[in-house]
Amino acid sequence: MKTAAQFGLVALIALVFTVLPGGGPALEVALTMLTIAFFTLIAVMGYRLYRQFGFELDTLDDRQRLVLYGSIGLALLTFCATSRLFDTGGAGAVVWLALLALCSYGVYRVWRQYRSIS
């Protein structure tokens, strides 16, 4: 019952944004605010992880650190270019997924190498 009520609330909010005049611009503002909040939370989480695991990051050799920070930077650039990549059509979406897969592999590779040494 609780899930149905929550679904109904979301449907009601969507209906308000659709029916009311000026709902489109208001929806764009709401989505922009959610996007800003999402990336702010990712930045705060990254800062906290850096503070918590700073010693471990310093013990990585230069190549591992380069791959890790390069992967994080490429992921950031990929997220910033999301709208441009998706506007190009299906090929842009494939490139977007490939770039994020490459970033994920880079972080995973550094993590595996670090865990094999410890």
PDB file of N, CA and C in Angstrom:
ATOM      1  N   MET A   1       0.817  -1.189   0.000  1.00  0.00           N
ATOM      2  CA  MET A   1       0.000   0.000   0.000  1.00  0.00           C
ATOM      3  C   MET A   1       0.862   1.254   0.000  1.00  0.00           C
ATOM      4  N   LYS A   2       1.953   1.209   0.764  1.00  0.00           N
ATOM      5  CA  LYS A   2       2.846   2.362   0.852  1.00  0.00           C
ATOM      6  C   LYS A   2       3.485   2.647  -0.504  1.00  0.00           C
ATOM      7  N   THR A   3       3.871   1.597  -1.217  1.00  0.00           N
ATOM      8  CA  THR A   3       4.486   1.766  -2.531  1.00  0.00           C
ATOM      9  C   THR A   3       3.505   2.384  -3.514  1.00  0.00           C
ATOM     10  N   ALA A   4       2.259   1.970  -3.464  1.00  0.00           N
ATOM     11  CA  ALA A   4       1.241   2.528  -4.356  1.00  0.00           C
ATOM     12  C   ALA A   4       1.028   4.011  -4.068  1.00  0.00           C
ATOM     13  N   ALA A   5       1.047   4.390  -2.803  1.00  0.00           N
ATOM     14  CA  ALA A   5       0.887   5.806  -2.443  1.00  0.00           C
ATOM     15  C   ALA A   5       2.069   6.632  -2.939  1.00  0.00           C
ATOM     16  N   GLN A   6       3.267   6.085  -2.819  1.00  0.00           N
ATOM     17  CA  GLN A   6       4.449   6.799  -3.305  1.00  0.00           C
ATOM     18  C   GLN A   6       4.419   6.918  -4.821  1.00  0.00           C
ATOM     19  N   PHE A   7       4.006   5.878  -5.500  1.00  0.00           N
ATOM     20  CA  PHE A   7       3.882   5.925  -6.954  1.00  0.00           C
ATOM     21  C   PHE A   7       2.832   6.956  -7.363  1.00  0.00           C
ATOM     22  N   GLY A   8       1.729   6.985  -6.646  1.00  0.00           N
ATOM     23  CA  GLY A   8       0.681   7.961  -6.926  1.00  0.00           C
ATOM     24  C   GLY A   8       1.164   9.392  -6.731  1.00  0.00           C
ATOM     25  N   LEU A   9       1.979   9.624  -5.721  1.00  0.00           N
ATOM     26  CA  LEU A   9       2.536  10.957  -5.485  1.00  0.00           C
ATOM     27  C   LEU A   9       3.450  11.373  -6.635  1.00  0.00           C
ATOM     28  N   VAL A  10       4.281  10.479  -7.097  1.00  0.00           N
ATOM     29  CA  VAL A  10       5.167  10.779  -8.220  1.00  0.00           C
ATOM     30  C   VAL A  10       4.349  11.046  -9.483  1.00  0.00           C
ATOM     31  N   ALA A  11       3.309  10.254  -9.703  1.00  0.00           N
ATOM     32  CA  ALA A  11       2.441  10.458 -10.868  1.00  0.00           C
ATOM     33  C   ALA A  11       1.720  11.798 -10.776  1.00  0.00           C
ATOM     34  N   LEU A  12       1.300  12.189  -9.588  1.00  0.00           N
ATOM     35  CA  LEU A  12       0.633  13.479  -9.400  1.00  0.00           C
ATOM     36  C   LEU A  12       1.578  14.639  -9.687  1.00  0.00           C
ATOM     37  N   ILE A  13       2.801  14.547  -9.227  1.00  0.00           N
ATOM     38  CA  ILE A  13       3.794  15.593  -9.496  1.00  0.00           C
ATOM     39  C   ILE A  13       4.071  15.674 -10.995  1.00  0.00           C
ATOM     40  N   ALA A  14       4.184  14.541 -11.655  1.00  0.00           N
ATOM     41  CA  ALA A  14       4.404  14.535 -13.108  1.00  0.00           C
ATOM     42  C   ALA A  14       3.219  15.158 -13.838  1.00  0.00           C
ATOM     43  N   LEU A  15       2.013  14.875 -13.371  1.00  0.00           N
ATOM     44  CA  LEU A  15       0.817  15.461 -13.982  1.00  0.00           C
ATOM     45  C   LEU A  15       0.804  16.975 -13.812  1.00  0.00           C
ATOM     46  N   VAL A  16       1.195  17.455 -12.639  1.00  0.00           N
ATOM     47  CA  VAL A  16       1.242  18.898 -12.397  1.00  0.00           C
ATOM     48  C   VAL A  16       2.226  19.560 -13.349  1.00  0.00           C
ATOM     49  N   PHE A  17       3.403  18.978 -13.520  1.00  0.00           N
ATOM     50  CA  PHE A  17       4.392  19.556 -14.427  1.00  0.00           C
ATOM     51  C   PHE A  17       3.918  19.511 -15.879  1.00  0.00           C
ATOM     52  N   THR A  18       3.094  18.535 -16.220  1.00  0.00           N
ATOM     53  CA  THR A  18       2.621  18.401 -17.598  1.00  0.00           C
ATOM     54  C   THR A  18       1.459  19.345 -17.899  1.00  0.00           C
ATOM     55  N   VAL A  19       0.529  19.481 -16.977  1.00  0.00           N
ATOM     56  CA  VAL A  19      -0.716  20.199 -17.233  1.00  0.00           C
ATOM     57  C   VAL A  19      -0.580  21.708 -17.011  1.00  0.00           C
ATOM     58  N   LEU A  20       0.095  22.120 -15.968  1.00  0.00           N
ATOM     59  CA  LEU A  20       0.161  23.547 -15.645  1.00  0.00           C
ATOM     60  C   LEU A  20       0.911  24.329 -16.715  1.00  0.00           C
ATOM     61  N   PRO A  21       0.485  25.574 -16.951  1.00  0.00           N
ATOM     62  CA  PRO A  21       1.234  26.411 -17.888  1.00  0.00           C
ATOM     63  C   PRO A  21       2.622  26.710 -17.317  1.00  0.00           C
ATOM     64  N   GLY A  22       3.596  26.677 -18.159  1.00  0.00           N
ATOM     65  CA  GLY A  22       4.971  26.890 -17.700  1.00  0.00           C
ATOM     66  C   GLY A  22       5.567  25.662 -17.039  1.00  0.00           C
ATOM     67  N   GLY A  23       4.906  24.533 -17.187  1.00  0.00           N
ATOM     68  CA  GLY A  23       5.398  23.302 -16.569  1.00  0.00           C
ATOM     69  C   GLY A  23       6.697  22.818 -17.175  1.00  0.00           C
ATOM     70  N   GLY A  24       6.864  23.034 -18.485  1.00  0.00           N
ATOM     71  CA  GLY A  24       8.093  22.605 -19.159  1.00  0.00           C
ATOM     72  C   GLY A  24       9.325  23.302 -18.612  1.00  0.00           C
ATOM     73  N   PRO A  25       9.318  24.646 -18.541  1.00  0.00           N
ATOM     74  CA  PRO A  25      10.466  25.341 -17.955  1.00  0.00           C
ATOM     75  C   PRO A  25      10.675  24.992 -16.479  1.00  0.00           C
ATOM     76  N   ALA A  26       9.582  24.827 -15.738  1.00  0.00           N
ATOM     77  CA  ALA A  26       9.711  24.456 -14.326  1.00  0.00           C
ATOM     78  C   ALA A  26      10.340  23.068 -14.197  1.00  0.00           C
ATOM     79  N   LEU A  27       9.966  22.176 -15.098  1.00  0.00           N
ATOM     80  CA  LEU A  27      10.551  20.833 -15.086  1.00  0.00           C
ATOM     81  C   LEU A  27      12.042  20.894 -15.409  1.00  0.00           C
ATOM     82  N   GLU A  28      12.414  21.750 -16.358  1.00  0.00           N
ATOM     83  CA  GLU A  28      13.839  21.908 -16.689  1.00  0.00           C
ATOM     84  C   GLU A  28      14.621  22.422 -15.482  1.00  0.00           C
ATOM     85  N   VAL A  29      14.039  23.377 -14.755  1.00  0.00           N
ATOM     86  CA  VAL A  29      14.701  23.904 -13.551  1.00  0.00           C
ATOM     87  C   VAL A  29      14.841  22.801 -12.509  1.00  0.00           C
ATOM     88  N   ALA A  30      13.782  22.020 -12.307  1.00  0.00           N
ATOM     89  CA  ALA A  30      13.830  20.944 -11.316  1.00  0.00           C
ATOM     90  C   ALA A  30      14.876  19.899 -11.703  1.00  0.00           C
ATOM     91  N   LEU A  31      14.928  19.525 -12.976  1.00  0.00           N
ATOM     92  CA  LEU A  31      15.920  18.540 -13.416  1.00  0.00           C
ATOM     93  C   LEU A  31      17.338  19.090 -13.308  1.00  0.00           C
ATOM     94  N   THR A  32      17.515  20.374 -13.601  1.00  0.00           N
ATOM     95  CA  THR A  32      18.833  20.985 -13.452  1.00  0.00           C
ATOM     96  C   THR A  32      19.264  20.999 -11.990  1.00  0.00           C
ATOM     97  N   MET A  33      18.340  21.310 -11.092  1.00  0.00           N
ATOM     98  CA  MET A  33      18.663  21.305  -9.667  1.00  0.00           C
ATOM     99  C   MET A  33      19.025  19.893  -9.190  1.00  0.00           C
ATOM    100  N   LEU A  34      18.296  18.889  -9.668  1.00  0.00           N
ATOM    101  CA  LEU A  34      18.626  17.510  -9.304  1.00  0.00           C
ATOM    102  C   LEU A  34      19.993  17.104  -9.839  1.00  0.00           C
ATOM    103  N   THR A  35      20.318  17.545 -11.044  1.00  0.00           N
ATOM    104  CA  THR A  35      21.628  17.232 -11.624  1.00  0.00           C
ATOM    105  C   THR A  35      22.741  17.891 -10.827  1.00  0.00           C
ATOM    106  N   ILE A  36      22.543  19.145 -10.449  1.00  0.00           N
ATOM    107  CA  ILE A  36      23.546  19.844  -9.648  1.00  0.00           C
ATOM    108  C   ILE A  36      23.723  19.151  -8.299  1.00  0.00           C
ATOM    109  N   ALA A  37      22.618  18.756  -7.674  1.00  0.00           N
ATOM    110  CA  ALA A  37      22.701  18.058  -6.392  1.00  0.00           C
ATOM    111  C   ALA A  37      23.431  16.723  -6.542  1.00  0.00           C
ATOM    112  N   PHE A  38      23.155  16.006  -7.630  1.00  0.00           N
ATOM    113  CA  PHE A  38      23.795  14.718  -7.874  1.00  0.00           C
ATOM    114  C   PHE A  38      25.309  14.874  -8.002  1.00  0.00           C
ATOM    115  N   PHE A  39      25.753  15.829  -8.818  1.00  0.00           N
ATOM    116  CA  PHE A  39      27.191  16.009  -9.004  1.00  0.00           C
ATOM    117  C   PHE A  39      27.855  16.591  -7.762  1.00  0.00           C
ATOM    118  N   THR A  40      27.134  17.399  -6.989  1.00  0.00           N
ATOM    119  CA  THR A  40      27.681  17.905  -5.726  1.00  0.00           C
ATOM    120  C   THR A  40      27.895  16.760  -4.751  1.00  0.00           C
ATOM    121  N   LEU A  41      26.933  15.853  -4.668  1.00  0.00           N
ATOM    122  CA  LEU A  41      27.089  14.698  -3.784  1.00  0.00           C
ATOM    123  C   LEU A  41      28.240  13.800  -4.227  1.00  0.00           C
ATOM    124  N   ILE A  42      28.427  13.643  -5.525  1.00  0.00           N
ATOM    125  CA  ILE A  42      29.565  12.857  -6.013  1.00  0.00           C
ATOM    126  C   ILE A  42      30.878  13.539  -5.628  1.00  0.00           C
ATOM    127  N   ALA A  43      30.935  14.862  -5.749  1.00  0.00           N
ATOM    128  CA  ALA A  43      32.152  15.591  -5.385  1.00  0.00           C
ATOM    129  C   ALA A  43      32.437  15.467  -3.886  1.00  0.00           C
ATOM    130  N   VAL A  44      31.411  15.581  -3.054  1.00  0.00           N
ATOM    131  CA  VAL A  44      31.596  15.448  -1.604  1.00  0.00           C
ATOM    132  C   VAL A  44      32.055  14.042  -1.259  1.00  0.00           C
ATOM    133  N   MET A  45      31.454  13.046  -1.908  1.00  0.00           N
ATOM    134  CA  MET A  45      31.866  11.670  -1.661  1.00  0.00           C
ATOM    135  C   MET A  45      33.317  11.449  -2.095  1.00  0.00           C
ATOM    136  N   GLY A  46      33.694  12.003  -3.245  1.00  0.00           N
ATOM    137  CA  GLY A  46      35.076  11.875  -3.696  1.00  0.00           C
ATOM    138  C   GLY A  46      36.051  12.538  -2.741  1.00  0.00           C
ATOM    139  N   TYR A  47      35.694  13.701  -2.220  1.00  0.00           N
ATOM    140  CA  TYR A  47      36.549  14.397  -1.257  1.00  0.00           C
ATOM    141  C   TYR A  47      36.702  13.582   0.028  1.00  0.00           C
ATOM    142  N   ARG A  48      35.590  13.028   0.505  1.00  0.00           N
ATOM    143  CA  ARG A  48      35.665  12.227   1.731  1.00  0.00           C
ATOM    144  C   ARG A  48      36.492  10.960   1.519  1.00  0.00           C
ATOM    145  N   LEU A  49      36.330  10.324   0.359  1.00  0.00           N
ATOM    146  CA  LEU A  49      37.135   9.139   0.079  1.00  0.00           C
ATOM    147  C   LEU A  49      38.613   9.494  -0.039  1.00  0.00           C
ATOM    148  N   TYR A  50      38.911  10.643  -0.648  1.00  0.00           N
ATOM    149  CA  TYR A  50      40.304  11.075  -0.760  1.00  0.00           C
ATOM    150  C   TYR A  50      40.893  11.330   0.621  1.00  0.00           C
ATOM    151  N   ARG A  51      40.128  11.959   1.503  1.00  0.00           N
ATOM    152  CA  ARG A  51      40.617  12.216   2.858  1.00  0.00           C
ATOM    153  C   ARG A  51      40.794  10.917   3.643  1.00  0.00           C
ATOM    154  N   GLN A  52      39.884   9.974   3.444  1.00  0.00           N
ATOM    155  CA  GLN A  52      39.938   8.730   4.194  1.00  0.00           C
ATOM    156  C   GLN A  52      41.060   7.814   3.704  1.00  0.00           C
ATOM    157  N   PHE A  53      41.282   7.770   2.405  1.00  0.00           N
ATOM    158  CA  PHE A  53      42.251   6.839   1.835  1.00  0.00           C
ATOM    159  C   PHE A  53      43.455   7.562   1.222  1.00  0.00           C
ATOM    160  N   GLY A  54      43.799   8.733   1.751  1.00  0.00           N
ATOM    161  CA  GLY A  54      44.920   9.509   1.225  1.00  0.00           C
ATOM    162  C   GLY A  54      46.242   8.757   1.300  1.00  0.00           C
ATOM    163  N   PHE A  55      46.463   8.043   2.399  1.00  0.00           N
ATOM    164  CA  PHE A  55      47.720   7.297   2.534  1.00  0.00           C
ATOM    165  C   PHE A  55      47.818   6.199   1.486  1.00  0.00           C
ATOM    166  N   GLU A  56      46.716   5.480   1.264  1.00  0.00           N
ATOM    167  CA  GLU A  56      46.723   4.417   0.265  1.00  0.00           C
ATOM    168  C   GLU A  56      46.952   4.981  -1.132  1.00  0.00           C
ATOM    169  N   LEU A  57      46.392   6.145  -1.416  1.00  0.00           N
ATOM    170  CA  LEU A  57      46.613   6.766  -2.720  1.00  0.00           C
ATOM    171  C   LEU A  57      48.065   7.191  -2.886  1.00  0.00           C
ATOM    172  N   ASP A  58      48.683   7.645  -1.801  1.00  0.00           N
ATOM    173  CA  ASP A  58      50.085   8.033  -1.873  1.00  0.00           C
ATOM    174  C   ASP A  58      51.015   6.837  -2.043  1.00  0.00           C
ATOM    175  N   THR A  59      50.579   5.656  -1.619  1.00  0.00           N
ATOM    176  CA  THR A  59      51.432   4.474  -1.755  1.00  0.00           C
ATOM    177  C   THR A  59      51.358   3.846  -3.144  1.00  0.00           C
ATOM    178  N   LEU A  60      50.406   4.278  -3.965  1.00  0.00           N
ATOM    179  CA  LEU A  60      50.346   3.776  -5.346  1.00  0.00           C
ATOM    180  C   LEU A  60      51.555   4.283  -6.113  1.00  0.00           C
ATOM    181  N   ASP A  61      52.066   3.462  -7.032  1.00  0.00           N
ATOM    182  CA  ASP A  61      53.151   3.969  -7.857  1.00  0.00           C
ATOM    183  C   ASP A  61      52.588   4.959  -8.881  1.00  0.00           C
ATOM    184  N   ASP A  62      53.489   5.678  -9.525  1.00  0.00           N
ATOM    185  CA  ASP A  62      53.080   6.783 -10.389  1.00  0.00           C
ATOM    186  C   ASP A  62      52.155   6.340 -11.520  1.00  0.00           C
ATOM    187  N   ARG A  63      52.437   5.190 -12.095  1.00  0.00           N
ATOM    188  CA  ARG A  63      51.616   4.713 -13.217  1.00  0.00           C
ATOM    189  C   ARG A  63      50.190   4.403 -12.761  1.00  0.00           C
ATOM    190  N   GLN A  64      50.055   3.740 -11.617  1.00  0.00           N
ATOM    191  CA  GLN A  64      48.725   3.426 -11.097  1.00  0.00           C
ATOM    192  C   GLN A  64      47.960   4.708 -10.767  1.00  0.00           C
ATOM    193  N   ARG A  65      48.645   5.663 -10.170  1.00  0.00           N
ATOM    194  CA  ARG A  65      47.998   6.927  -9.838  1.00  0.00           C
ATOM    195  C   ARG A  65      47.556   7.660 -11.101  1.00  0.00           C
ATOM    196  N   LEU A  66      48.380   7.612 -12.141  1.00  0.00           N
ATOM    197  CA  LEU A  66      48.027   8.240 -13.413  1.00  0.00           C
ATOM    198  C   LEU A  66      46.784   7.592 -14.022  1.00  0.00           C
ATOM    199  N   VAL A  67      46.730   6.270 -14.004  1.00  0.00           N
ATOM    200  CA  VAL A  67      45.571   5.565 -14.551  1.00  0.00           C
ATOM    201  C   VAL A  67      44.325   5.884 -13.725  1.00  0.00           C
ATOM    202  N   LEU A  68      44.448   5.902 -12.401  1.00  0.00           N
ATOM    203  CA  LEU A  68      43.301   6.176 -11.539  1.00  0.00           C
ATOM    204  C   LEU A  68      42.763   7.581 -11.756  1.00  0.00           C
ATOM    205  N   TYR A  69      43.640   8.572 -11.665  1.00  0.00           N
ATOM    206  CA  TYR A  69      43.186   9.960 -11.824  1.00  0.00           C
ATOM    207  C   TYR A  69      42.760  10.248 -13.265  1.00  0.00           C
ATOM    208  N   GLY A  70      43.413   9.631 -14.237  1.00  0.00           N
ATOM    209  CA  GLY A  70      42.993   9.783 -15.633  1.00  0.00           C
ATOM    210  C   GLY A  70      41.614   9.195 -15.872  1.00  0.00           C
ATOM    211  N   SER A  71      41.331   8.054 -15.264  1.00  0.00           N
ATOM    212  CA  SER A  71      40.010   7.435 -15.404  1.00  0.00           C
ATOM    213  C   SER A  71      38.932   8.304 -14.771  1.00  0.00           C
ATOM    214  N   ILE A  72      39.220   8.851 -13.606  1.00  0.00           N
ATOM    215  CA  ILE A  72      38.250   9.720 -12.944  1.00  0.00           C
ATOM    216  C   ILE A  72      38.023  10.984 -13.768  1.00  0.00           C
ATOM    217  N   GLY A  73      39.090  11.567 -14.299  1.00  0.00           N
ATOM    218  CA  GLY A  73      38.959  12.758 -15.132  1.00  0.00           C
ATOM    219  C   GLY A  73      38.196  12.490 -16.416  1.00  0.00           C
ATOM    220  N   LEU A  74      38.461  11.353 -17.053  1.00  0.00           N
ATOM    221  CA  LEU A  74      37.737  11.010 -18.273  1.00  0.00           C
ATOM    222  C   LEU A  74      36.259  10.773 -17.986  1.00  0.00           C
ATOM    223  N   ALA A  75      35.953  10.158 -16.843  1.00  0.00           N
ATOM    224  CA  ALA A  75      34.552   9.963 -16.471  1.00  0.00           C
ATOM    225  C   ALA A  75      33.862  11.312 -16.264  1.00  0.00           C
ATOM    226  N   LEU A  76      34.542  12.247 -15.643  1.00  0.00           N
ATOM    227  CA  LEU A  76      33.978  13.583 -15.442  1.00  0.00           C
ATOM    228  C   LEU A  76      33.714  14.270 -16.780  1.00  0.00           C
ATOM    229  N   LEU A  77      34.678  14.199 -17.687  1.00  0.00           N
ATOM    230  CA  LEU A  77      34.476  14.785 -19.006  1.00  0.00           C
ATOM    231  C   LEU A  77      33.346  14.097 -19.773  1.00  0.00           C
ATOM    232  N   THR A  78      33.240  12.796 -19.624  1.00  0.00           N
ATOM    233  CA  THR A  78      32.176  12.058 -20.295  1.00  0.00           C
ATOM    234  C   THR A  78      30.811  12.481 -19.772  1.00  0.00           C
ATOM    235  N   PHE A  79      30.697  12.638 -18.466  1.00  0.00           N
ATOM    236  CA  PHE A  79      29.424  13.083 -17.904  1.00  0.00           C
ATOM    237  C   PHE A  79      29.095  14.506 -18.347  1.00  0.00           C
ATOM    238  N   CYS A  80      30.114  15.347 -18.465  1.00  0.00           N
ATOM    239  CA  CYS A  80      29.866  16.713 -18.927  1.00  0.00           C
ATOM    240  C   CYS A  80      29.434  16.748 -20.392  1.00  0.00           C
ATOM    241  N   ALA A  81      29.871  15.793 -21.176  1.00  0.00           N
ATOM    242  CA  ALA A  81      29.539  15.758 -22.607  1.00  0.00           C
ATOM    243  C   ALA A  81      28.346  14.867 -22.912  1.00  0.00           C
ATOM    244  N   THR A  82      27.604  14.468 -21.897  1.00  0.00           N
ATOM    245  CA  THR A  82      26.487  13.551 -22.098  1.00  0.00           C
ATOM    246  C   THR A  82      25.480  14.078 -23.107  1.00  0.00           C
ATOM    247  N   SER A  83      25.055  15.320 -22.951  1.00  0.00           N
ATOM    248  CA  SER A  83      24.018  15.840 -23.849  1.00  0.00           C
ATOM    249  C   SER A  83      24.523  15.923 -25.288  1.00  0.00           C
ATOM    250  N   ARG A  84      25.769  16.311 -25.479  1.00  0.00           N
ATOM    251  CA  ARG A  84      26.314  16.382 -26.844  1.00  0.00           C
ATOM    252  C   ARG A  84      26.434  15.000 -27.470  1.00  0.00           C
ATOM    253  N   LEU A  85      26.875  14.031 -26.680  1.00  0.00           N
ATOM    254  CA  LEU A  85      27.019  12.681 -27.217  1.00  0.00           C
ATOM    255  C   LEU A  85      25.658  12.067 -27.536  1.00  0.00           C
ATOM    256  N   PHE A  86      24.675  12.291 -26.681  1.00  0.00           N
ATOM    257  CA  PHE A  86      23.350  11.723 -26.927  1.00  0.00           C
ATOM    258  C   PHE A  86      22.641  12.429 -28.071  1.00  0.00           C
ATOM    259  N   ASP A  87      22.965  13.703 -28.327  1.00  0.00           N
ATOM    260  CA  ASP A  87      22.336  14.423 -29.435  1.00  0.00           C
ATOM    261  C   ASP A  87      22.798  13.909 -30.794  1.00  0.00           C
ATOM    262  N   THR A  88      23.946  13.228 -30.837  1.00  0.00           N
ATOM    263  CA  THR A  88      24.435  12.717 -32.121  1.00  0.00           C
ATOM    264  C   THR A  88      23.739  11.426 -32.537  1.00  0.00           C
ATOM    265  N   GLY A  89      22.959  10.854 -31.657  1.00  0.00           N
ATOM    266  CA  GLY A  89      22.220   9.639 -32.000  1.00  0.00           C
ATOM    267  C   GLY A  89      22.804   8.410 -31.333  1.00  0.00           C
ATOM    268  N   GLY A  90      22.556   7.277 -31.960  1.00  0.00           N
ATOM    269  CA  GLY A  90      22.971   6.003 -31.385  1.00  0.00           C
ATOM    270  C   GLY A  90      24.468   5.846 -31.259  1.00  0.00           C
ATOM    271  N   ALA A  91      25.214   6.381 -32.207  1.00  0.00           N
ATOM    272  CA  ALA A  91      26.673   6.266 -32.141  1.00  0.00           C
ATOM    273  C   ALA A  91      27.221   7.022 -30.942  1.00  0.00           C
ATOM    274  N   GLY A  92      26.638   8.168 -30.645  1.00  0.00           N
ATOM    275  CA  GLY A  92      27.075   8.940 -29.483  1.00  0.00           C
ATOM    276  C   GLY A  92      26.813   8.203 -28.187  1.00  0.00           C
ATOM    277  N   ALA A  93      25.675   7.515 -28.100  1.00  0.00           N
ATOM    278  CA  ALA A  93      25.359   6.737 -26.905  1.00  0.00           C
ATOM    279  C   ALA A  93      26.333   5.573 -26.750  1.00  0.00           C
ATOM    280  N   VAL A  94      26.712   4.963 -27.862  1.00  0.00           N
ATOM    281  CA  VAL A  94      27.683   3.864 -27.807  1.00  0.00           C
ATOM    282  C   VAL A  94      29.052   4.386 -27.359  1.00  0.00           C
ATOM    283  N   VAL A  95      29.451   5.547 -27.872  1.00  0.00           N
ATOM    284  CA  VAL A  95      30.724   6.147 -27.459  1.00  0.00           C
ATOM    285  C   VAL A  95      30.673   6.492 -25.980  1.00  0.00           C
ATOM    286  N   TRP A  96      29.545   7.032 -25.509  1.00  0.00           N
ATOM    287  CA  TRP A  96      29.382   7.373 -24.099  1.00  0.00           C
ATOM    288  C   TRP A  96      29.553   6.133 -23.218  1.00  0.00           C
ATOM    289  N   LEU A  97      28.882   5.055 -23.589  1.00  0.00           N
ATOM    290  CA  LEU A  97      29.010   3.809 -22.824  1.00  0.00           C
ATOM    291  C   LEU A  97      30.427   3.254 -22.881  1.00  0.00           C
ATOM    292  N   ALA A  98      31.068   3.340 -24.046  1.00  0.00           N
ATOM    293  CA  ALA A  98      32.432   2.830 -24.180  1.00  0.00           C
ATOM    294  C   ALA A  98      33.406   3.632 -23.316  1.00  0.00           C
ATOM    295  N   LEU A  99      33.244   4.950 -23.285  1.00  0.00           N
ATOM    296  CA  LEU A  99      34.121   5.775 -22.455  1.00  0.00           C
ATOM    297  C   LEU A  99      33.940   5.469 -20.971  1.00  0.00           C
ATOM    298  N   LEU A 100      32.696   5.311 -20.541  1.00  0.00           N
ATOM    299  CA  LEU A 100      32.464   4.970 -19.134  1.00  0.00           C
ATOM    300  C   LEU A 100      32.964   3.564 -18.805  1.00  0.00           C
ATOM    301  N   ALA A 101      32.858   2.647 -19.752  1.00  0.00           N
ATOM    302  CA  ALA A 101      33.402   1.300 -19.529  1.00  0.00           C
ATOM    303  C   ALA A 101      34.924   1.356 -19.412  1.00  0.00           C
ATOM    304  N   LEU A 102      35.563   2.177 -20.233  1.00  0.00           N
ATOM    305  CA  LEU A 102      37.015   2.338 -20.162  1.00  0.00           C
ATOM    306  C   LEU A 102      37.428   2.926 -18.820  1.00  0.00           C
ATOM    307  N   CYS A 103      36.687   3.922 -18.346  1.00  0.00           N
ATOM    308  CA  CYS A 103      36.980   4.528 -17.042  1.00  0.00           C
ATOM    309  C   CYS A 103      36.810   3.508 -15.921  1.00  0.00           C
ATOM    310  N   SER A 104      35.739   2.743 -15.991  1.00  0.00           N
ATOM    311  CA  SER A 104      35.486   1.732 -14.966  1.00  0.00           C
ATOM    312  C   SER A 104      36.587   0.678 -14.962  1.00  0.00           C
ATOM    313  N   TYR A 105      37.029   0.280 -16.141  1.00  0.00           N
ATOM    314  CA  TYR A 105      38.107  -0.709 -16.225  1.00  0.00           C
ATOM    315  C   TYR A 105      39.400  -0.153 -15.638  1.00  0.00           C
ATOM    316  N   GLY A 106      39.690   1.112 -15.885  1.00  0.00           N
ATOM    317  CA  GLY A 106      40.899   1.712 -15.332  1.00  0.00           C
ATOM    318  C   GLY A 106      40.901   1.711 -13.820  1.00  0.00           C
ATOM    319  N   VAL A 107      39.775   2.107 -13.223  1.00  0.00           N
ATOM    320  CA  VAL A 107      39.669   2.116 -11.760  1.00  0.00           C
ATOM    321  C   VAL A 107      39.741   0.691 -11.219  1.00  0.00           C
ATOM    322  N   TYR A 108      39.077  -0.242 -11.884  1.00  0.00           N
ATOM    323  CA  TYR A 108      39.095  -1.640 -11.446  1.00  0.00           C
ATOM    324  C   TYR A 108      40.505  -2.225 -11.531  1.00  0.00           C
ATOM    325  N   ARG A 109      41.215  -1.902 -12.592  1.00  0.00           N
ATOM    326  CA  ARG A 109      42.571  -2.416 -12.769  1.00  0.00           C
ATOM    327  C   ARG A 109      43.506  -1.928 -11.668  1.00  0.00           C
ATOM    328  N   VAL A 110      43.401  -0.645 -11.342  1.00  0.00           N
ATOM    329  CA  VAL A 110      44.236  -0.096 -10.263  1.00  0.00           C
ATOM    330  C   VAL A 110      43.868  -0.751  -8.941  1.00  0.00           C
ATOM    331  N   TRP A 111      42.591  -0.930  -8.698  1.00  0.00           N
ATOM    332  CA  TRP A 111      42.149  -1.561  -7.447  1.00  0.00           C
ATOM    333  C   TRP A 111      42.654  -2.985  -7.346  1.00  0.00           C
ATOM    334  N   ARG A 112      42.582  -3.746  -8.459  1.00  0.00           N
ATOM    335  CA  ARG A 112      43.070  -5.137  -8.440  1.00  0.00           C
ATOM    336  C   ARG A 112      44.576  -5.212  -8.208  1.00  0.00           C
ATOM    337  N   GLN A 113      45.311  -4.300  -8.847  1.00  0.00           N
ATOM    338  CA  GLN A 113      46.758  -4.295  -8.646  1.00  0.00           C
ATOM    339  C   GLN A 113      47.104  -3.926  -7.208  1.00  0.00           C
ATOM    340  N   TYR A 114      46.395  -2.977  -6.651  1.00  0.00           N
ATOM    341  CA  TYR A 114      46.638  -2.582  -5.258  1.00  0.00           C
ATOM    342  C   TYR A 114      46.327  -3.724  -4.297  1.00  0.00           C
ATOM    343  N   ARG A 115      45.218  -4.432  -4.551  1.00  0.00           N
ATOM    344  CA  ARG A 115      44.831  -5.529  -3.668  1.00  0.00           C
ATOM    345  C   ARG A 115      45.781  -6.719  -3.795  1.00  0.00           C
ATOM    346  N   SER A 116      46.388  -6.918  -4.952  1.00  0.00           N
ATOM    347  CA  SER A 116      47.300  -8.055  -5.107  1.00  0.00           C
ATOM    348  C   SER A 116      48.615  -7.815  -4.385  1.00  0.00           C
ATOM    349  N   ILE A 117      48.986  -6.551  -4.207  1.00  0.00           N
ATOM    350  CA  ILE A 117      50.226  -6.228  -3.501  1.00  0.00           C
ATOM    351  C   ILE A 117      50.036  -6.317  -2.004  1.00  0.00           C
ATOM    352  N   SER A 118      48.866  -5.870  -1.515  1.00  0.00           N
ATOM    353  CA  SER A 118      48.634  -5.815  -0.063  1.00  0.00           C
ATOM    354  C   SER A 118      48.500  -7.172   0.560  1.00  0.00           C
TER     355      SER A 118
END
